[in-house]
C-alpha atoms as a PDB file:
ATOM      1  CA  MET A   1      32.155  41.565 -19.415  1.00  0.00           C
ATOM      2  CA  GLY A   2      30.893  43.026 -16.159  1.00  0.00           C
ATOM      3  CA  ARG A   3      29.824  40.856 -13.216  1.00  0.00           C
ATOM      4  CA  ARG A   4      26.140  41.728 -13.632  1.00  0.00           C
ATOM      5  CA  ARG A   5      26.208  40.869 -17.356  1.00  0.00           C
ATOM      6  CA  GLU A   6      27.898  37.521 -16.608  1.00  0.00           C
ATOM      7  CA  GLU A   7      25.130  36.667 -14.138  1.00  0.00           C
ATOM      8  CA  ILE A   8      22.458  37.576 -16.681  1.00  0.00           C
ATOM      9  CA  ALA A   9      24.236  35.542 -19.352  1.00  0.00           C
ATOM     10  CA  LEU A  10      24.545  32.540 -17.016  1.00  0.00           C
ATOM     11  CA  VAL A  11      20.871  32.728 -16.102  1.00  0.00           C
ATOM     12  CA  GLY A  12      19.919  32.729 -19.766  1.00  0.00           C
ATOM     13  CA  VAL A  13      22.150  29.726 -20.523  1.00  0.00           C
ATOM     14  CA  HIS A  14      20.934  27.868 -17.445  1.00  0.00           C
ATOM     15  CA  GLU A  15      17.298  28.237 -18.458  1.00  0.00           C
ATOM     16  CA  GLU A  16      17.934  26.928 -21.967  1.00  0.00           C
ATOM     17  CA  VAL A  17      19.835  23.777 -20.942  1.00  0.00           C
ATOM     18  CA  ALA A  18      18.035  22.965 -17.722  1.00  0.00           C
ATOM     19  CA  PRO A  19      16.940  19.312 -17.596  1.00  0.00           C
ATOM     20  CA  LEU A  20      13.285  18.383 -17.524  1.00  0.00           C
ATOM     21  CA  PRO A  21      11.894  18.327 -14.010  1.00  0.00           C
ATOM     22  CA  LEU A  22      11.455  14.931 -12.380  1.00  0.00           C
ATOM     23  CA  VAL A  23       7.664  15.329 -12.509  1.00  0.00           C
ATOM     24  CA  ALA A  24       7.754  15.716 -16.290  1.00  0.00           C
ATOM     25  CA  ALA A  25       9.965  12.642 -16.651  1.00  0.00           C
ATOM     26  CA  ARG A  26       7.569  10.588 -14.535  1.00  0.00           C
ATOM     27  CA  ALA A  27       4.584  11.886 -16.496  1.00  0.00           C
ATOM     28  CA  GLU A  28       5.847   9.882 -19.481  1.00  0.00           C
ATOM     29  CA  ARG A  29       5.140   6.603 -17.672  1.00  0.00           C
ATOM     30  CA  SER A  30       2.213   4.698 -19.070  1.00  0.00           C
ATOM     31  CA  PRO A  31      -0.809   4.177 -16.822  1.00  0.00           C
ATOM     32  CA  ARG A  32      -0.133   0.427 -16.908  1.00  0.00           C
ATOM     33  CA  LEU A  33       3.438   0.913 -15.684  1.00  0.00           C
ATOM     34  CA  VAL A  34       2.251   3.270 -12.944  1.00  0.00           C
ATOM     35  CA  ARG A  35      -0.334   0.725 -11.844  1.00  0.00           C
ATOM     36  CA  PHE A  36       2.206  -2.107 -11.934  1.00  0.00           C
ATOM     37  CA  LEU A  37       4.723  -0.135  -9.852  1.00  0.00           C
ATOM     38  CA  ARG A  38       1.935   0.738  -7.435  1.00  0.00           C
ATOM     39  CA  PHE A  39       1.112  -2.977  -7.163  1.00  0.00           C
ATOM     40  CA  VAL A  40       4.777  -3.768  -6.417  1.00  0.00           C
ATOM     41  CA  ARG A  41       4.889  -1.126  -3.652  1.00  0.00           C
ATOM     42  CA  PHE A  42       1.505  -2.326  -2.378  1.00  0.00           C
ATOM     43  CA  SER A  43       2.833  -5.891  -2.262  1.00  0.00           C
ATOM     44  CA  LEU A  44       5.915  -4.821  -0.311  1.00  0.00           C
ATOM     45  CA  VAL A  45       3.690  -3.041   2.192  1.00  0.00           C
ATOM     46  CA  GLY A  46       1.542  -6.163   2.309  1.00  0.00           C
ATOM     47  CA  VAL A  47       4.543  -8.349   3.105  1.00  0.00           C
ATOM     48  CA  SER A  48       5.530  -6.039   5.954  1.00  0.00           C
ATOM     49  CA  GLY A  49       1.895  -6.066   7.109  1.00  0.00           C
ATOM     50  CA  ILE A  50       1.937  -9.862   7.132  1.00  0.00           C
ATOM     51  CA  VAL A  51       4.968  -9.746   9.429  1.00  0.00           C
ATOM     52  CA  VAL A  52       3.111  -7.323  11.729  1.00  0.00           C
ATOM     53  CA  ASN A  53      -0.027  -9.480  11.607  1.00  0.00           C
ATOM     54  CA  GLU A  54       1.888 -12.672  12.400  1.00  0.00           C
ATOM     55  CA  ALA A  55       3.736 -10.964  15.275  1.00  0.00           C
ATOM     56  CA  ALA A  56       0.487  -9.596  16.702  1.00  0.00           C
ATOM     57  CA  LEU A  57      -1.191 -13.000  16.384  1.00  0.00           C
ATOM     58  CA  ALA A  58       1.749 -14.699  18.111  1.00  0.00           C
ATOM     59  CA  LEU A  59       1.579 -12.074  20.874  1.00  0.00           C
ATOM     60  CA  PHE A  60      -2.168 -12.467  21.421  1.00  0.00           C
ATOM     61  CA  VAL A  61      -2.051 -16.272  21.417  1.00  0.00           C
ATOM     62  CA  GLY A  62       1.361 -16.896  22.984  1.00  0.00           C
ATOM     63  CA  VAL A  63       1.471 -14.142  25.608  1.00  0.00           C
ATOM     64  CA  PHE A  64      -2.181 -13.289  26.295  1.00  0.00           C
ATOM     65  CA  HIS A  65      -3.420 -16.882  25.732  1.00  0.00           C
ATOM     66  CA  VAL A  66      -6.434 -15.973  23.595  1.00  0.00           C
ATOM     67  CA  ASN A  67      -7.882 -18.456  21.112  1.00  0.00           C
ATOM     68  CA  TYR A  68      -6.117 -18.307  17.738  1.00  0.00           C
ATOM     69  CA  VAL A  69      -9.358 -17.267  15.964  1.00  0.00           C
ATOM     70  CA  VAL A  70      -9.830 -14.338  18.359  1.00  0.00           C
ATOM     71  CA  GLY A  71      -6.127 -13.567  18.012  1.00  0.00           C
ATOM     72  CA  ALA A  72      -6.468 -13.446  14.221  1.00  0.00           C
ATOM     73  CA  LEU A  73      -9.393 -11.058  14.550  1.00  0.00           C
ATOM     74  CA  LEU A  74      -7.402  -8.825  16.933  1.00  0.00           C
ATOM     75  CA  ALA A  75      -4.240  -8.917  14.811  1.00  0.00           C
ATOM     76  CA  THR A  76      -6.036  -7.447  11.800  1.00  0.00           C
ATOM     77  CA  PRO A  77      -6.423  -3.895  13.182  1.00  0.00           C
ATOM     78  CA  CYS A  78      -2.731  -3.917  14.148  1.00  0.00           C
ATOM     79  CA  SER A  79      -1.542  -4.774  10.657  1.00  0.00           C
ATOM     80  CA  THR A  80      -4.207  -2.590   9.058  1.00  0.00           C
ATOM     81  CA  LEU A  81      -2.917   0.483  10.901  1.00  0.00           C
ATOM     82  CA  TRP A  82       0.647  -0.386   9.858  1.00  0.00           C
ATOM     83  CA  ASN A  83      -0.412  -0.882   6.236  1.00  0.00           C
ATOM     84  CA  PHE A  84      -2.520   2.280   6.181  1.00  0.00           C
ATOM     85  CA  ILE A  85       0.392   4.439   7.263  1.00  0.00           C
ATOM     86  CA  LEU A  86       2.703   2.954   4.619  1.00  0.00           C
ATOM     87  CA  LEU A  87       0.033   3.142   1.918  1.00  0.00           C
ATOM     88  CA  GLU A  88      -0.516   6.806   2.681  1.00  0.00           C
ATOM     89  CA  ILE A  89       3.137   7.851   2.777  1.00  0.00           C
ATOM     90  CA  TRP A  90       4.639   5.578   0.124  1.00  0.00           C
ATOM     91  CA  VAL A  91       2.298   3.676  -2.187  1.00  0.00           C
ATOM     92  CA  PHE A  92      -0.382   6.252  -2.942  1.00  0.00           C
ATOM     93  CA  LYS A  93       1.282   9.484  -1.817  1.00  0.00           C
ATOM     94  CA  ASN A  94       1.394  11.012  -5.318  1.00  0.00           C
ATOM     95  CA  THR A  95      -2.201  10.325  -6.224  1.00  0.00           C
ATOM     96  CA  SER A  96      -5.094  12.717  -6.044  1.00  0.00           C
ATOM     97  CA  HIS A  97      -7.383  10.982  -3.595  1.00  0.00           C
ATOM     98  CA  ARG A  98     -11.079  10.497  -4.118  1.00  0.00           C
ATOM     99  CA  HIS A  99     -11.759  10.317  -0.374  1.00  0.00           C
ATOM    100  CA  ARG A 100     -10.650  12.012   2.829  1.00  0.00           C
ATOM    101  CA  ARG A 101      -8.021  10.283   4.963  1.00  0.00           C
ATOM    102  CA  TRP A 102     -10.497   9.133   7.665  1.00  0.00           C
ATOM    103  CA  HIS A 103     -12.718   7.702   4.937  1.00  0.00           C
ATOM    104  CA  ARG A 104      -9.786   5.813   3.379  1.00  0.00           C
ATOM    105  CA  TRP A 105      -8.883   4.472   6.846  1.00  0.00           C
ATOM    106  CA  LEU A 106     -12.448   3.320   7.435  1.00  0.00           C
ATOM    107  CA  MET A 107     -12.689   1.658   4.010  1.00  0.00           C
ATOM    108  CA  LEU A 108      -9.367  -0.141   4.512  1.00  0.00           C
ATOM    109  CA  MET A 109     -10.531  -1.409   7.907  1.00  0.00           C
ATOM    110  CA  VAL A 110     -13.754  -2.666   6.339  1.00  0.00           C
ATOM    111  CA  VAL A 111     -11.914  -4.348   3.440  1.00  0.00           C
ATOM    112  CA  ASN A 112      -9.380  -6.017   5.723  1.00  0.00           C
ATOM    113  CA  ASN A 113     -11.991  -7.177   8.213  1.00  0.00           C
ATOM    114  CA  ILE A 114     -14.207  -8.586   5.458  1.00  0.00           C
ATOM    115  CA  ALA A 115     -11.179 -10.460   4.098  1.00  0.00           C
ATOM    116  CA  ASN A 116     -10.356 -11.597   7.628  1.00  0.00           C
ATOM    117  CA  PHE A 117     -13.845 -12.949   8.301  1.00  0.00           C
ATOM    118  CA  ALA A 118     -14.002 -14.526   4.830  1.00  0.00           C
ATOM    119  CA  THR A 119     -10.796 -16.470   5.458  1.00  0.00           C
ATOM    120  CA  LEU A 120     -11.617 -17.558   9.015  1.00  0.00           C
ATOM    121  CA  PRO A 121     -13.195 -20.869   7.880  1.00  0.00           C
ATOM    122  CA  LEU A 122      -9.983 -21.658   5.979  1.00  0.00           C
ATOM    123  CA  LEU A 123      -7.909 -20.717   9.035  1.00  0.00           C
ATOM    124  CA  VAL A 124     -10.002 -23.044  11.211  1.00  0.00           C
ATOM    125  CA  LEU A 125      -9.896 -25.819   8.603  1.00  0.00           C
ATOM    126  CA  CYS A 126      -6.116 -25.653   8.309  1.00  0.00           C
ATOM    127  CA  THR A 127      -5.480 -25.319  12.039  1.00  0.00           C
ATOM    128  CA  SER A 128      -8.149 -27.389  13.782  1.00  0.00           C
ATOM    129  CA  VAL A 129      -8.943 -30.006  11.135  1.00  0.00           C
ATOM    130  CA  LEU A 130      -5.615 -30.447   9.329  1.00  0.00           C
ATOM    131  CA  GLY A 131      -3.480 -29.742  12.391  1.00  0.00           C
ATOM    132  CA  ILE A 132      -1.328 -27.044  10.791  1.00  0.00           C
ATOM    133  CA  ASN A 133       0.223 -24.499  13.171  1.00  0.00           C
ATOM    134  CA  TYR A 134      -2.039 -21.437  13.521  1.00  0.00           C
ATOM    135  CA  LEU A 135       0.728 -19.054  12.380  1.00  0.00           C
ATOM    136  CA  ILE A 136       1.309 -21.024   9.178  1.00  0.00           C
ATOM    137  CA  SER A 137      -2.439 -21.263   8.566  1.00  0.00           C
ATOM    138  CA  ASN A 138      -2.783 -17.520   9.114  1.00  0.00           C
ATOM    139  CA  LEU A 139       0.106 -16.823   6.748  1.00  0.00           C
ATOM    140  CA  PHE A 140      -1.538 -18.993   4.096  1.00  0.00           C
ATOM    141  CA  THR A 141      -4.861 -17.142   4.361  1.00  0.00           C
ATOM    142  CA  LEU A 142      -3.160 -13.740   4.267  1.00  0.00           C
ATOM    143  CA  ILE A 143      -1.258 -14.571   1.092  1.00  0.00           C
ATOM    144  CA  LEU A 144      -4.436 -15.748  -0.644  1.00  0.00           C
ATOM    145  CA  VAL A 145      -6.111 -12.351  -0.414  1.00  0.00           C
ATOM    146  CA  VAL A 146      -3.225 -10.060  -1.507  1.00  0.00           C
ATOM    147  CA  VAL A 147      -4.454  -9.568  -5.071  1.00  0.00           C
ATOM    148  CA  ALA A 148      -8.074  -9.095  -4.020  1.00  0.00           C
ATOM    149  CA  ARG A 149      -7.046  -6.555  -1.388  1.00  0.00           C
ATOM    150  CA  PHE A 150      -5.002  -4.629  -3.952  1.00  0.00           C
ATOM    151  CA  ALA A 151      -7.959  -4.422  -6.309  1.00  0.00           C
ATOM    152  CA  LEU A 152     -10.093  -2.957  -3.542  1.00  0.00           C
ATOM    153  CA  ALA A 153      -7.367  -0.758  -2.047  1.00  0.00           C
ATOM    154  CA  ASP A 154      -6.511   0.621  -5.481  1.00  0.00           C
ATOM    155  CA  ARG A 155     -10.113   1.777  -5.750  1.00  0.00           C
ATOM    156  CA  ILE A 156      -9.855   3.447  -2.322  1.00  0.00           C
ATOM    157  CA  TRP A 157      -6.676   5.388  -3.139  1.00  0.00           C
ATOM    158  CA  ALA A 158      -6.949   5.605  -6.936  1.00  0.00           C
ATOM    159  CA  PRO A 159      -6.742   9.060  -8.450  1.00  0.00           C
ATOM    160  CA  ALA A 160      -9.942  10.743  -9.517  1.00  0.00           C
ATOM    161  CA  LEU A 161      -8.785  10.691 -13.145  1.00  0.00           C
ATOM    162  CA  ASP A 162      -7.750   7.644 -15.187  1.00  0.00           C
ATOM    163  CA  THR A 163      -4.054   8.571 -14.957  1.00  0.00           C
ATOM    164  CA  GLU A 164      -1.999  10.255 -12.270  1.00  0.00           C
ATOM    165  CA  ALA A 165      -0.648  13.023 -14.461  1.00  0.00           C
ATOM    166  CA  PRO A 166      -1.201  14.124 -18.032  1.00  0.00           C
ATOM    167  CA  SER A 167       1.562  13.325 -20.486  1.00  0.00           C
ATOM    168  CA  ILE A 168       3.805  16.252 -21.355  1.00  0.00           C
ATOM    169  CA  LYS A 169       4.855  16.300 -24.972  1.00  0.00           C
ATOM    170  CA  ALA A 170       7.605  18.625 -26.135  1.00  0.00           C
END
């Protein structure tokens, strides 16, 4: 068989036995599984954001000698920026967004600041009344709002449709 005919024959064979693309394989995931995996990634980003928040709080209080309440309020934008970047490039990167990036950033800042202000009384109670270290109190308040933040953040980044991709049936 000539070289050109071999190439044509190989192309024909290759097309018939080619594996399904990765996108098609992922399309088979149920919406519940997709949402669960998104929650796991969101939680991992949240954990890293807690580390950033705690470090920023320690910096503001320990180095710049601001009050721990003010430090907690200043640490939120630091961890929110960190979280936003990771949410955009890892957690919700394959979704069709309902909102523009600046709008998602603004909504995340609002959500995180509302959560921050809502937990301030608990932070003060734990730190000033119960005598718990401000970093431990802050960590406690941050952990309490993880699920609530996911519910709101999922609405910010959620795809316009009920599922990320339609199922492909052969």
